[in-house]
Amino acid sequence: MAARLNPRHQEMVKDKIKTSQLINSLCNHALGEIEMTQTQIRAAEILLNKTLPNLKASDDSLTLDGEVGIREIIKEYTKIGGSE
């Protein structure tokens, strides 16, 4: 058998599967399909924080430059035949 290009690939796939199982369990709990204790929920949260990137916005403020940029894009889009 040929050598693997990435020897950790199999381990990374297993970690992704475990992460998706945690997400599925939390979703099922949120939908009322299964019951979980507070300890189980907290443990799942801690494990997900270790495996998934934090998706918090790094900058919550909207600047005037960003607002003007969007308006300019819309103007250019309507010039080339798009609709607003």
N, C-alpha and C. Protein backbone atom coordinates (compact mmCIF):
# COMPACT_ATOMS: atom_id res chain seq x y z
N MET A 1 0.84 -1.17 0.00
CA MET A 1 0.00 0.00 0.00
C MET A 1 0.89 1.24 0.00
N ALA A 2 0.49 2.23 -0.76
CA ALA A 2 1.28 3.47 -0.85
C ALA A 2 1.20 4.25 0.46
N ALA A 3 2.24 5.01 0.71
CA ALA A 3 2.27 5.84 1.92
C ALA A 3 1.26 6.97 1.79
N ARG A 4 0.67 7.33 2.90
CA ARG A 4 -0.30 8.42 2.90
C ARG A 4 0.43 9.75 2.75
N LEU A 5 -0.21 10.66 2.01
CA LEU A 5 0.36 11.99 1.86
C LEU A 5 0.32 12.74 3.18
N ASN A 6 -0.77 12.55 3.92
CA ASN A 6 -0.92 13.20 5.22
C ASN A 6 -1.23 12.09 6.24
N PRO A 7 -0.25 11.70 7.03
CA PRO A 7 -0.46 10.59 7.96
C PRO A 7 -1.53 10.88 9.02
N ARG A 8 -1.84 12.14 9.27
CA ARG A 8 -2.85 12.48 10.27
C ARG A 8 -4.26 12.55 9.68
N HIS A 9 -4.41 12.30 8.39
CA HIS A 9 -5.71 12.46 7.73
C HIS A 9 -6.80 11.63 8.39
N GLN A 10 -6.53 10.37 8.66
CA GLN A 10 -7.52 9.50 9.26
C GLN A 10 -7.94 10.01 10.63
N GLU A 11 -7.00 10.49 11.41
CA GLU A 11 -7.30 11.04 12.73
C GLU A 11 -8.15 12.31 12.62
N MET A 12 -7.83 13.15 11.64
CA MET A 12 -8.60 14.39 11.45
C MET A 12 -10.04 14.08 11.03
N VAL A 13 -10.23 13.07 10.20
CA VAL A 13 -11.57 12.68 9.78
C VAL A 13 -12.36 12.17 10.98
N LYS A 14 -11.74 11.37 11.83
CA LYS A 14 -12.42 10.87 13.03
C LYS A 14 -12.83 12.02 13.94
N ASP A 15 -11.96 13.03 14.08
CA ASP A 15 -12.28 14.19 14.91
C ASP A 15 -13.47 14.96 14.34
N LYS A 16 -13.54 15.09 13.01
CA LYS A 16 -14.66 15.78 12.39
C LYS A 16 -15.96 15.02 12.60
N ILE A 17 -15.91 13.71 12.55
CA ILE A 17 -17.10 12.90 12.78
C ILE A 17 -17.58 13.07 14.21
N LYS A 18 -16.66 13.04 15.16
CA LYS A 18 -17.03 13.23 16.57
C LYS A 18 -17.64 14.61 16.78
N THR A 19 -17.08 15.62 16.14
CA THR A 19 -17.62 16.97 16.26
C THR A 19 -19.03 17.04 15.70
N SER A 20 -19.26 16.41 14.56
CA SER A 20 -20.61 16.43 13.97
C SER A 20 -21.60 15.68 14.85
N GLN A 21 -21.15 14.64 15.55
CA GLN A 21 -22.04 13.92 16.47
C GLN A 21 -22.43 14.80 17.64
N LEU A 22 -21.49 15.60 18.15
CA LEU A 22 -21.81 16.54 19.23
C LEU A 22 -22.82 17.58 18.76
N ILE A 23 -22.61 18.11 17.57
CA ILE A 23 -23.53 19.10 17.03
C ILE A 23 -24.92 18.50 16.85
N ASN A 24 -24.99 17.28 16.33
CA ASN A 24 -26.28 16.62 16.14
C ASN A 24 -26.99 16.41 17.47
N SER A 25 -26.25 16.01 18.49
CA SER A 25 -26.86 15.81 19.81
C SER A 25 -27.42 17.11 20.37
N LEU A 26 -26.66 18.20 20.24
CA LEU A 26 -27.14 19.49 20.73
C LEU A 26 -28.35 19.98 19.93
N CYS A 27 -28.34 19.75 18.63
CA CYS A 27 -29.50 20.14 17.80
C CYS A 27 -30.73 19.33 18.19
N ASN A 28 -30.55 18.04 18.38
CA ASN A 28 -31.69 17.20 18.79
C ASN A 28 -32.22 17.62 20.15
N HIS A 29 -31.35 18.01 21.05
CA HIS A 29 -31.79 18.48 22.36
C HIS A 29 -32.57 19.79 22.20
N ALA A 30 -32.05 20.69 21.36
CA ALA A 30 -32.72 21.98 21.15
C ALA A 30 -34.10 21.79 20.53
N LEU A 31 -34.25 20.77 19.71
CA LEU A 31 -35.54 20.50 19.07
C LEU A 31 -36.46 19.65 19.95
N GLY A 32 -35.99 19.27 21.12
CA GLY A 32 -36.82 18.51 22.05
C GLY A 32 -36.90 17.02 21.74
N GLU A 33 -36.02 16.53 20.89
CA GLU A 33 -36.04 15.12 20.52
C GLU A 33 -35.34 14.23 21.53
N ILE A 34 -34.33 14.77 22.22
CA ILE A 34 -33.64 14.02 23.27
C ILE A 34 -33.46 14.92 24.48
N GLU A 35 -33.25 14.32 25.62
CA GLU A 35 -32.98 15.07 26.85
C GLU A 35 -31.49 14.96 27.16
N MET A 36 -30.92 16.08 27.61
CA MET A 36 -29.52 16.10 28.03
C MET A 36 -29.45 16.84 29.36
N THR A 37 -28.54 16.40 30.21
CA THR A 37 -28.34 17.10 31.48
C THR A 37 -27.50 18.35 31.23
N GLN A 38 -27.49 19.25 32.19
CA GLN A 38 -26.66 20.45 32.08
C GLN A 38 -25.18 20.07 31.93
N THR A 39 -24.77 19.02 32.63
CA THR A 39 -23.38 18.57 32.55
C THR A 39 -23.04 18.11 31.14
N GLN A 40 -23.95 17.37 30.51
CA GLN A 40 -23.72 16.90 29.15
C GLN A 40 -23.65 18.07 28.16
N ILE A 41 -24.52 19.03 28.34
CA ILE A 41 -24.54 20.20 27.46
C ILE A 41 -23.25 20.98 27.61
N ARG A 42 -22.82 21.20 28.83
CA ARG A 42 -21.59 21.96 29.09
C ARG A 42 -20.36 21.22 28.54
N ALA A 43 -20.33 19.90 28.71
CA ALA A 43 -19.21 19.11 28.19
C ALA A 43 -19.16 19.19 26.67
N ALA A 44 -20.31 19.12 26.02
CA ALA A 44 -20.36 19.23 24.56
C ALA A 44 -19.88 20.61 24.12
N GLU A 45 -20.30 21.64 24.85
CA GLU A 45 -19.87 23.00 24.53
C GLU A 45 -18.35 23.15 24.63
N ILE A 46 -17.78 22.60 25.69
CA ILE A 46 -16.32 22.68 25.88
C ILE A 46 -15.59 21.95 24.76
N LEU A 47 -16.07 20.77 24.41
CA LEU A 47 -15.42 20.00 23.34
C LEU A 47 -15.55 20.71 21.99
N LEU A 48 -16.71 21.31 21.72
CA LEU A 48 -16.89 22.03 20.46
C LEU A 48 -15.99 23.25 20.39
N ASN A 49 -15.79 23.91 21.52
CA ASN A 49 -14.90 25.07 21.54
C ASN A 49 -13.47 24.68 21.20
N LYS A 50 -13.10 23.43 21.47
CA LYS A 50 -11.75 22.97 21.16
C LYS A 50 -11.61 22.53 19.71
N THR A 51 -12.72 22.15 19.07
CA THR A 51 -12.62 21.59 17.72
C THR A 51 -13.12 22.53 16.63
N LEU A 52 -14.04 23.43 16.94
CA LEU A 52 -14.57 24.35 15.94
C LEU A 52 -14.00 25.74 16.15
N PRO A 53 -13.77 26.46 15.07
CA PRO A 53 -13.30 27.84 15.23
C PRO A 53 -14.41 28.70 15.80
N ASN A 54 -14.03 29.69 16.56
CA ASN A 54 -14.99 30.62 17.14
C ASN A 54 -15.43 31.58 16.03
N LEU A 55 -16.72 31.68 15.79
CA LEU A 55 -17.22 32.48 14.69
C LEU A 55 -17.68 33.87 15.13
N LYS A 56 -17.19 34.35 16.26
CA LYS A 56 -17.53 35.70 16.70
C LYS A 56 -16.95 36.71 15.71
N ALA A 57 -17.70 37.75 15.48
CA ALA A 57 -17.21 38.80 14.58
C ALA A 57 -16.05 39.53 15.25
N SER A 58 -15.02 39.79 14.50
CA SER A 58 -13.87 40.48 15.08
C SER A 58 -14.11 41.97 15.19
N ASP A 59 -14.98 42.51 14.33
CA ASP A 59 -15.27 43.93 14.37
C ASP A 59 -16.77 44.11 14.22
N ASP A 60 -17.44 44.54 15.28
CA ASP A 60 -18.88 44.68 15.26
C ASP A 60 -19.34 46.06 14.80
N SER A 61 -18.42 46.96 14.56
CA SER A 61 -18.82 48.32 14.20
C SER A 61 -18.90 48.48 12.68
N LEU A 62 -19.87 49.26 12.24
CA LEU A 62 -20.02 49.56 10.82
C LEU A 62 -19.45 50.95 10.59
N THR A 63 -18.51 51.05 9.69
CA THR A 63 -17.89 52.34 9.43
C THR A 63 -18.57 53.01 8.25
N LEU A 64 -18.39 54.30 8.15
CA LEU A 64 -18.95 55.06 7.04
C LEU A 64 -18.34 54.60 5.73
N ASP A 65 -17.04 54.25 5.75
CA ASP A 65 -16.37 53.78 4.53
C ASP A 65 -17.05 52.53 3.99
N GLY A 66 -17.39 51.59 4.86
CA GLY A 66 -18.06 50.37 4.43
C GLY A 66 -19.42 50.66 3.84
N GLU A 67 -20.14 51.59 4.43
CA GLU A 67 -21.47 51.95 3.95
C GLU A 67 -21.37 52.62 2.58
N VAL A 68 -20.42 53.52 2.42
CA VAL A 68 -20.22 54.19 1.14
C VAL A 68 -19.79 53.17 0.09
N GLY A 69 -18.91 52.23 0.47
CA GLY A 69 -18.46 51.21 -0.46
C GLY A 69 -19.61 50.38 -1.00
N ILE A 70 -20.55 50.03 -0.17
CA ILE A 70 -21.71 49.25 -0.60
C ILE A 70 -22.55 50.07 -1.57
N ARG A 71 -22.75 51.34 -1.27
CA ARG A 71 -23.53 52.21 -2.17
C ARG A 71 -22.86 52.31 -3.53
N GLU A 72 -21.54 52.43 -3.54
CA GLU A 72 -20.82 52.52 -4.82
C GLU A 72 -20.95 51.23 -5.61
N ILE A 73 -20.92 50.11 -4.95
CA ILE A 73 -21.08 48.81 -5.62
C ILE A 73 -22.46 48.72 -6.25
N ILE A 74 -23.47 49.15 -5.51
CA ILE A 74 -24.84 49.11 -6.04
C ILE A 74 -24.97 50.01 -7.26
N LYS A 75 -24.36 51.22 -7.22
CA LYS A 75 -24.40 52.12 -8.38
C LYS A 75 -23.74 51.47 -9.59
N GLU A 76 -22.58 50.85 -9.39
CA GLU A 76 -21.88 50.21 -10.51
C GLU A 76 -22.70 49.04 -11.05
N TYR A 77 -23.32 48.31 -10.17
CA TYR A 77 -24.13 47.16 -10.56
C TYR A 77 -25.31 47.61 -11.42
N THR A 78 -25.97 48.70 -11.01
CA THR A 78 -27.13 49.19 -11.79
C THR A 78 -26.68 49.78 -13.11
N LYS A 79 -25.45 50.32 -13.19
CA LYS A 79 -24.94 50.87 -14.44
C LYS A 79 -24.76 49.77 -15.49
N ILE A 80 -24.36 48.57 -15.05
CA ILE A 80 -24.09 47.51 -16.02
C ILE A 80 -25.31 46.66 -16.32
N GLY A 81 -26.47 47.11 -15.86
CA GLY A 81 -27.69 46.43 -16.24
C GLY A 81 -28.35 45.63 -15.15
N GLY A 82 -27.84 45.65 -13.94
CA GLY A 82 -28.48 44.95 -12.84
C GLY A 82 -29.62 45.78 -12.29
N SER A 83 -30.40 45.17 -11.45
CA SER A 83 -31.50 45.92 -10.83
C SER A 83 -31.23 46.03 -9.34
N GLU A 84 -31.65 47.12 -8.75
CA GLU A 84 -31.40 47.35 -7.33
C GLU A 84 -32.41 46.63 -6.48
